[in-house]
Amino acid sequence: MWEYLTARLLVLVVFCFSMVLIVISPLIKKYSTAFSRLSIISGCIILLLLLYFLFSSPVIREQIYKYGFN
C-alpha cells in the first residue's frame, strides 16, 4: 500500500516541479533570457521523462489503463 502512495506522490511532485519551471520562465525572462530558456527546456525534459517513465513500462501502463490515477 505505501509503495503505491509513494509512487503517486512522487509523480505528483515531479509533475508540479516541471510545471513550476515552465510557469516561472516569464518572470525569469525579465532578468535573463538564457535562464528563461533553460527553465523551459529543463521543465519540458523533466515532463517528457516522467511521461516516458509512466508509459514505457508495460506493468505501469496496464495499471494506468485499468485503474487510472485513482
PDB file of N, CA and C in Angstrom:
ATOM      1  N   MET A   1       0.825  -1.192   0.000  1.00  0.00           N
ATOM      2  CA  MET A   1       0.000   0.000   0.000  1.00  0.00           C
ATOM      3  C   MET A   1       0.874   1.263   0.000  1.00  0.00           C
ATOM      4  N   TRP A   2       1.908   1.299   0.812  1.00  0.00           N
ATOM      5  CA  TRP A   2       2.729   2.501   0.915  1.00  0.00           C
ATOM      6  C   TRP A   2       3.518   2.759  -0.355  1.00  0.00           C
ATOM      7  N   GLU A   3       3.900   1.688  -1.060  1.00  0.00           N
ATOM      8  CA  GLU A   3       4.648   1.870  -2.304  1.00  0.00           C
ATOM      9  C   GLU A   3       3.791   2.590  -3.338  1.00  0.00           C
ATOM     10  N   TYR A   4       2.520   2.215  -3.406  1.00  0.00           N
ATOM     11  CA  TYR A   4       1.611   2.843  -4.362  1.00  0.00           C
ATOM     12  C   TYR A   4       1.409   4.315  -4.027  1.00  0.00           C
ATOM     13  N   LEU A   5       1.217   4.612  -2.745  1.00  0.00           N
ATOM     14  CA  LEU A   5       1.034   6.007  -2.321  1.00  0.00           C
ATOM     15  C   LEU A   5       2.299   6.823  -2.569  1.00  0.00           C
ATOM     16  N   THR A   6       3.443   6.239  -2.282  1.00  0.00           N
ATOM     17  CA  THR A   6       4.713   6.925  -2.515  1.00  0.00           C
ATOM     18  C   THR A   6       4.924   7.205  -4.000  1.00  0.00           C
ATOM     19  N   ALA A   7       4.593   6.244  -4.833  1.00  0.00           N
ATOM     20  CA  ALA A   7       4.748   6.439  -6.274  1.00  0.00           C
ATOM     21  C   ALA A   7       3.818   7.529  -6.781  1.00  0.00           C
ATOM     22  N   ARG A   8       2.590   7.550  -6.306  1.00  0.00           N
ATOM     23  CA  ARG A   8       1.647   8.598  -6.738  1.00  0.00           C
ATOM     24  C   ARG A   8       2.123   9.980  -6.298  1.00  0.00           C
ATOM     25  N   LEU A   9       2.613  10.080  -5.072  1.00  0.00           N
ATOM     26  CA  LEU A   9       3.096  11.370  -4.594  1.00  0.00           C
ATOM     27  C   LEU A   9       4.350  11.805  -5.332  1.00  0.00           C
ATOM     28  N   LEU A  10       5.215  10.858  -5.649  1.00  0.00           N
ATOM     29  CA  LEU A  10       6.418  11.193  -6.396  1.00  0.00           C
ATOM     30  C   LEU A  10       6.077  11.697  -7.792  1.00  0.00           C
ATOM     31  N   VAL A  11       5.126  11.061  -8.445  1.00  0.00           N
ATOM     32  CA  VAL A  11       4.692  11.523  -9.763  1.00  0.00           C
ATOM     33  C   VAL A  11       4.109  12.927  -9.660  1.00  0.00           C
ATOM     34  N   LEU A  12       3.314  13.174  -8.641  1.00  0.00           N
ATOM     35  CA  LEU A  12       2.724  14.494  -8.450  1.00  0.00           C
ATOM     36  C   LEU A  12       3.786  15.560  -8.199  1.00  0.00           C
ATOM     37  N   VAL A  13       4.771  15.252  -7.377  1.00  0.00           N
ATOM     38  CA  VAL A  13       5.831  16.218  -7.074  1.00  0.00           C
ATOM     39  C   VAL A  13       6.658  16.524  -8.315  1.00  0.00           C
ATOM     40  N   VAL A  14       7.014  15.504  -9.075  1.00  0.00           N
ATOM     41  CA  VAL A  14       7.812  15.726 -10.286  1.00  0.00           C
ATOM     42  C   VAL A  14       7.016  16.522 -11.318  1.00  0.00           C
ATOM     43  N   PHE A  15       5.719  16.206 -11.464  1.00  0.00           N
ATOM     44  CA  PHE A  15       4.873  16.954 -12.393  1.00  0.00           C
ATOM     45  C   PHE A  15       4.777  18.423 -11.975  1.00  0.00           C
ATOM     46  N   CYS A  16       4.569  18.667 -10.694  1.00  0.00           N
ATOM     47  CA  CYS A  16       4.474  20.048 -10.212  1.00  0.00           C
ATOM     48  C   CYS A  16       5.795  20.798 -10.381  1.00  0.00           C
ATOM     49  N   PHE A  17       6.908  20.123 -10.135  1.00  0.00           N
ATOM     50  CA  PHE A  17       8.213  20.758 -10.303  1.00  0.00           C
ATOM     51  C   PHE A  17       8.444  21.169 -11.755  1.00  0.00           C
ATOM     52  N   SER A  18       8.087  20.292 -12.683  1.00  0.00           N
ATOM     53  CA  SER A  18       8.279  20.632 -14.092  1.00  0.00           C
ATOM     54  C   SER A  18       7.348  21.773 -14.512  1.00  0.00           C
ATOM     55  N   MET A  19       6.133  21.780 -14.001  1.00  0.00           N
ATOM     56  CA  MET A  19       5.217  22.868 -14.332  1.00  0.00           C
ATOM     57  C   MET A  19       5.691  24.192 -13.738  1.00  0.00           C
ATOM     58  N   VAL A  20       6.257  24.159 -12.549  1.00  0.00           N
ATOM     59  CA  VAL A  20       6.781  25.393 -11.947  1.00  0.00           C
ATOM     60  C   VAL A  20       7.927  25.945 -12.782  1.00  0.00           C
ATOM     61  N   LEU A  21       8.795  25.062 -13.261  1.00  0.00           N
ATOM     62  CA  LEU A  21       9.894  25.527 -14.108  1.00  0.00           C
ATOM     63  C   LEU A  21       9.377  26.178 -15.387  1.00  0.00           C
ATOM     64  N   ILE A  22       8.319  25.644 -15.944  1.00  0.00           N
ATOM     65  CA  ILE A  22       7.764  26.210 -17.177  1.00  0.00           C
ATOM     66  C   ILE A  22       7.029  27.512 -16.889  1.00  0.00           C
ATOM     67  N   VAL A  23       6.284  27.563 -15.797  1.00  0.00           N
ATOM     68  CA  VAL A  23       5.456  28.733 -15.500  1.00  0.00           C
ATOM     69  C   VAL A  23       6.284  29.940 -15.065  1.00  0.00           C
ATOM     70  N   ILE A  24       7.383  29.729 -14.344  1.00  0.00           N
ATOM     71  CA  ILE A  24       8.150  30.887 -13.860  1.00  0.00           C
ATOM     72  C   ILE A  24       9.091  31.458 -14.911  1.00  0.00           C
ATOM     73  N   SER A  25       9.131  30.862 -16.081  1.00  0.00           N
ATOM     74  CA  SER A  25      10.064  31.363 -17.101  1.00  0.00           C
ATOM     75  C   SER A  25       9.790  32.809 -17.519  1.00  0.00           C
ATOM     76  N   PRO A  26       8.529  33.270 -17.610  1.00  0.00           N
ATOM     77  CA  PRO A  26       8.351  34.707 -17.923  1.00  0.00           C
ATOM     78  C   PRO A  26       8.911  35.638 -16.841  1.00  0.00           C
ATOM     79  N   LEU A  27       8.855  35.202 -15.590  1.00  0.00           N
ATOM     80  CA  LEU A  27       9.438  36.029 -14.523  1.00  0.00           C
ATOM     81  C   LEU A  27      10.953  36.064 -14.630  1.00  0.00           C
ATOM     82  N   ILE A  28      11.539  34.950 -14.988  1.00  0.00           N
ATOM     83  CA  ILE A  28      12.990  34.893 -15.133  1.00  0.00           C
ATOM     84  C   ILE A  28      13.437  35.666 -16.368  1.00  0.00           C
ATOM     85  N   LYS A  29      12.577  35.733 -17.377  1.00  0.00           N
ATOM     86  CA  LYS A  29      12.940  36.392 -18.637  1.00  0.00           C
ATOM     87  C   LYS A  29      13.236  37.881 -18.440  1.00  0.00           C
ATOM     88  N   LYS A  30      12.659  38.482 -17.401  1.00  0.00           N
ATOM     89  CA  LYS A  30      12.946  39.885 -17.115  1.00  0.00           C
ATOM     90  C   LYS A  30      14.425  40.102 -16.817  1.00  0.00           C
ATOM     91  N   TYR A  31      15.044  39.102 -16.202  1.00  0.00           N
ATOM     92  CA  TYR A  31      16.432  39.236 -15.776  1.00  0.00           C
ATOM     93  C   TYR A  31      17.416  38.601 -16.743  1.00  0.00           C
ATOM     94  N   SER A  32      17.048  37.435 -17.294  1.00  0.00           N
ATOM     95  CA  SER A  32      17.980  36.737 -18.180  1.00  0.00           C
ATOM     96  C   SER A  32      17.204  35.818 -19.118  1.00  0.00           C
ATOM     97  N   THR A  33      17.382  36.046 -20.406  1.00  0.00           N
ATOM     98  CA  THR A  33      16.677  35.190 -21.366  1.00  0.00           C
ATOM     99  C   THR A  33      17.297  33.797 -21.433  1.00  0.00           C
ATOM    100  N   ALA A  34      18.579  33.701 -21.170  1.00  0.00           N
ATOM    101  CA  ALA A  34      19.230  32.381 -21.205  1.00  0.00           C
ATOM    102  C   ALA A  34      18.690  31.483 -20.102  1.00  0.00           C
ATOM    103  N   PHE A  35      18.549  32.006 -18.892  1.00  0.00           N
ATOM    104  CA  PHE A  35      17.997  31.208 -17.805  1.00  0.00           C
ATOM    105  C   PHE A  35      16.523  30.896 -18.031  1.00  0.00           C
ATOM    106  N   SER A  36      15.820  31.795 -18.682  1.00  0.00           N
ATOM    107  CA  SER A  36      14.422  31.539 -19.009  1.00  0.00           C
ATOM    108  C   SER A  36      14.298  30.363 -19.980  1.00  0.00           C
ATOM    109  N   ARG A  37      15.122  30.363 -21.006  1.00  0.00           N
ATOM    110  CA  ARG A  37      15.104  29.245 -21.956  1.00  0.00           C
ATOM    111  C   ARG A  37      15.531  27.952 -21.282  1.00  0.00           C
ATOM    112  N   LEU A  38      16.533  28.039 -20.415  1.00  0.00           N
ATOM    113  CA  LEU A  38      16.979  26.860 -19.684  1.00  0.00           C
ATOM    114  C   LEU A  38      15.865  26.317 -18.786  1.00  0.00           C
ATOM    115  N   SER A  39      15.094  27.203 -18.184  1.00  0.00           N
ATOM    116  CA  SER A  39      13.980  26.791 -17.336  1.00  0.00           C
ATOM    117  C   SER A  39      12.911  26.077 -18.148  1.00  0.00           C
ATOM    118  N   ILE A  40      12.566  26.622 -19.313  1.00  0.00           N
ATOM    119  CA  ILE A  40      11.557  25.983 -20.159  1.00  0.00           C
ATOM    120  C   ILE A  40      12.051  24.630 -20.667  1.00  0.00           C
ATOM    121  N   ILE A  41      13.288  24.586 -21.113  1.00  0.00           N
ATOM    122  CA  ILE A  41      13.833  23.337 -21.650  1.00  0.00           C
ATOM    123  C   ILE A  41      13.915  22.271 -20.567  1.00  0.00           C
ATOM    124  N   SER A  42      14.404  22.633 -19.393  1.00  0.00           N
ATOM    125  CA  SER A  42      14.517  21.631 -18.327  1.00  0.00           C
ATOM    126  C   SER A  42      13.136  21.188 -17.840  1.00  0.00           C
ATOM    127  N   GLY A  43      12.172  22.087 -17.778  1.00  0.00           N
ATOM    128  CA  GLY A  43      10.810  21.693 -17.402  1.00  0.00           C
ATOM    129  C   GLY A  43      10.200  20.730 -18.401  1.00  0.00           C
ATOM    130  N   CYS A  44      10.405  20.991 -19.678  1.00  0.00           N
ATOM    131  CA  CYS A  44       9.879  20.084 -20.712  1.00  0.00           C
ATOM    132  C   CYS A  44      10.579  18.734 -20.687  1.00  0.00           C
ATOM    133  N   ILE A  45      11.886  18.738 -20.475  1.00  0.00           N
ATOM    134  CA  ILE A  45      12.627  17.473 -20.408  1.00  0.00           C
ATOM    135  C   ILE A  45      12.169  16.640 -19.213  1.00  0.00           C
ATOM    136  N   ILE A  46      11.989  17.275 -18.072  1.00  0.00           N
ATOM    137  CA  ILE A  46      11.518  16.555 -16.885  1.00  0.00           C
ATOM    138  C   ILE A  46      10.122  15.989 -17.130  1.00  0.00           C
ATOM    139  N   LEU A  47       9.249  16.772 -17.759  1.00  0.00           N
ATOM    140  CA  LEU A  47       7.897  16.303 -18.048  1.00  0.00           C
ATOM    141  C   LEU A  47       7.917  15.132 -19.028  1.00  0.00           C
ATOM    142  N   LEU A  48       8.739  15.220 -20.064  1.00  0.00           N
ATOM    143  CA  LEU A  48       8.837  14.120 -21.021  1.00  0.00           C
ATOM    144  C   LEU A  48       9.424  12.863 -20.382  1.00  0.00           C
ATOM    145  N   LEU A  49      10.421  13.018 -19.531  1.00  0.00           N
ATOM    146  CA  LEU A  49      10.974  11.862 -18.832  1.00  0.00           C
ATOM    147  C   LEU A  49       9.950  11.219 -17.906  1.00  0.00           C
ATOM    148  N   LEU A  50       9.130  12.033 -17.260  1.00  0.00           N
ATOM    149  CA  LEU A  50       8.073  11.491 -16.409  1.00  0.00           C
ATOM    150  C   LEU A  50       7.063  10.700 -17.229  1.00  0.00           C
ATOM    151  N   LEU A  51       6.648  11.257 -18.352  1.00  0.00           N
ATOM    152  CA  LEU A  51       5.691  10.540 -19.206  1.00  0.00           C
ATOM    153  C   LEU A  51       6.305   9.274 -19.785  1.00  0.00           C
ATOM    154  N   TYR A  52       7.577   9.333 -20.137  1.00  0.00           N
ATOM    155  CA  TYR A  52       8.257   8.138 -20.636  1.00  0.00           C
ATOM    156  C   TYR A  52       8.328   7.070 -19.556  1.00  0.00           C
ATOM    157  N   PHE A  53       8.642   7.473 -18.342  1.00  0.00           N
ATOM    158  CA  PHE A  53       8.711   6.524 -17.242  1.00  0.00           C
ATOM    159  C   PHE A  53       7.354   5.884 -16.979  1.00  0.00           C
ATOM    160  N   LEU A  54       6.289   6.681 -17.050  1.00  0.00           N
ATOM    161  CA  LEU A  54       4.966   6.145 -16.767  1.00  0.00           C
ATOM    162  C   LEU A  54       4.462   5.209 -17.857  1.00  0.00           C
ATOM    163  N   PHE A  55       4.682   5.556 -19.112  1.00  0.00           N
ATOM    164  CA  PHE A  55       4.067   4.799 -20.194  1.00  0.00           C
ATOM    165  C   PHE A  55       5.018   3.830 -20.891  1.00  0.00           C
ATOM    166  N   SER A  56       6.274   3.746 -20.489  1.00  0.00           N
ATOM    167  CA  SER A  56       7.188   2.805 -21.138  1.00  0.00           C
ATOM    168  C   SER A  56       7.114   1.420 -20.517  1.00  0.00           C
ATOM    169  N   SER A  57       6.841   1.354 -19.231  1.00  0.00           N
ATOM    170  CA  SER A  57       6.757   0.069 -18.555  1.00  0.00           C
ATOM    171  C   SER A  57       5.390  -0.557 -18.821  1.00  0.00           C
ATOM    172  N   PRO A  58       5.349  -1.789 -19.323  1.00  0.00           N
ATOM    173  CA  PRO A  58       4.058  -2.421 -19.598  1.00  0.00           C
ATOM    174  C   PRO A  58       3.218  -2.634 -18.341  1.00  0.00           C
ATOM    175  N   VAL A  59       3.871  -2.884 -17.222  1.00  0.00           N
ATOM    176  CA  VAL A  59       3.130  -3.114 -15.981  1.00  0.00           C
ATOM    177  C   VAL A  59       2.465  -1.831 -15.511  1.00  0.00           C
ATOM    178  N   ILE A  60       3.223  -0.746 -15.499  1.00  0.00           N
ATOM    179  CA  ILE A  60       2.662   0.535 -15.060  1.00  0.00           C
ATOM    180  C   ILE A  60       1.595   1.003 -16.041  1.00  0.00           C
ATOM    181  N   ARG A  61       1.848   0.849 -17.347  1.00  0.00           N
ATOM    182  CA  ARG A  61       0.878   1.271 -18.358  1.00  0.00           C
ATOM    183  C   ARG A  61      -0.428   0.500 -18.220  1.00  0.00           C
ATOM    184  N   GLU A  62      -0.349  -0.795 -17.955  1.00  0.00           N
ATOM    185  CA  GLU A  62      -1.560  -1.591 -17.793  1.00  0.00           C
ATOM    186  C   GLU A  62      -2.348  -1.158 -16.565  1.00  0.00           C
ATOM    187  N   GLN A  63      -1.636  -0.843 -15.475  1.00  0.00           N
ATOM    188  CA  GLN A  63      -2.322  -0.383 -14.272  1.00  0.00           C
ATOM    189  C   GLN A  63      -2.982   0.972 -14.482  1.00  0.00           C
ATOM    190  N   ILE A  64      -2.319   1.848 -15.243  1.00  0.00           N
ATOM    191  CA  ILE A  64      -2.914   3.156 -15.513  1.00  0.00           C
ATOM    192  C   ILE A  64      -4.162   2.993 -16.374  1.00  0.00           C
ATOM    193  N   TYR A  65      -4.083   2.171 -17.404  1.00  0.00           N
ATOM    194  CA  TYR A  65      -5.252   1.964 -18.264  1.00  0.00           C
ATOM    195  C   TYR A  65      -6.391   1.273 -17.532  1.00  0.00           C
ATOM    196  N   LYS A  66      -6.042   0.343 -16.646  1.00  0.00           N
ATOM    197  CA  LYS A  66      -7.077  -0.422 -15.947  1.00  0.00           C
ATOM    198  C   LYS A  66      -7.714   0.355 -14.796  1.00  0.00           C
ATOM    199  N   TYR A  67      -6.877   0.976 -13.959  1.00  0.00           N
ATOM    200  CA  TYR A  67      -7.373   1.643 -12.762  1.00  0.00           C
ATOM    201  C   TYR A  67      -7.339   3.161 -12.838  1.00  0.00           C
ATOM    202  N   GLY A  68      -6.596   3.718 -13.758  1.00  0.00           N
ATOM    203  CA  GLY A  68      -6.458   5.161 -13.837  1.00  0.00           C
ATOM    204  C   GLY A  68      -5.544   5.672 -12.740  1.00  0.00           C
ATOM    205  N   PHE A  69      -5.645   6.937 -12.429  1.00  0.00           N
ATOM    206  CA  PHE A  69      -4.816   7.528 -11.372  1.00  0.00           C
ATOM    207  C   PHE A  69      -5.593   7.648 -10.074  1.00  0.00           C
ATOM    208  N   ASN A  70      -6.640   6.874  -9.909  1.00  0.00           N
ATOM    209  CA  ASN A  70      -7.451   6.927  -8.684  1.00  0.00           C
ATOM    210  C   ASN A  70      -6.798   6.184  -7.562  1.00  0.00           C
TER     211      ASN A  70
END
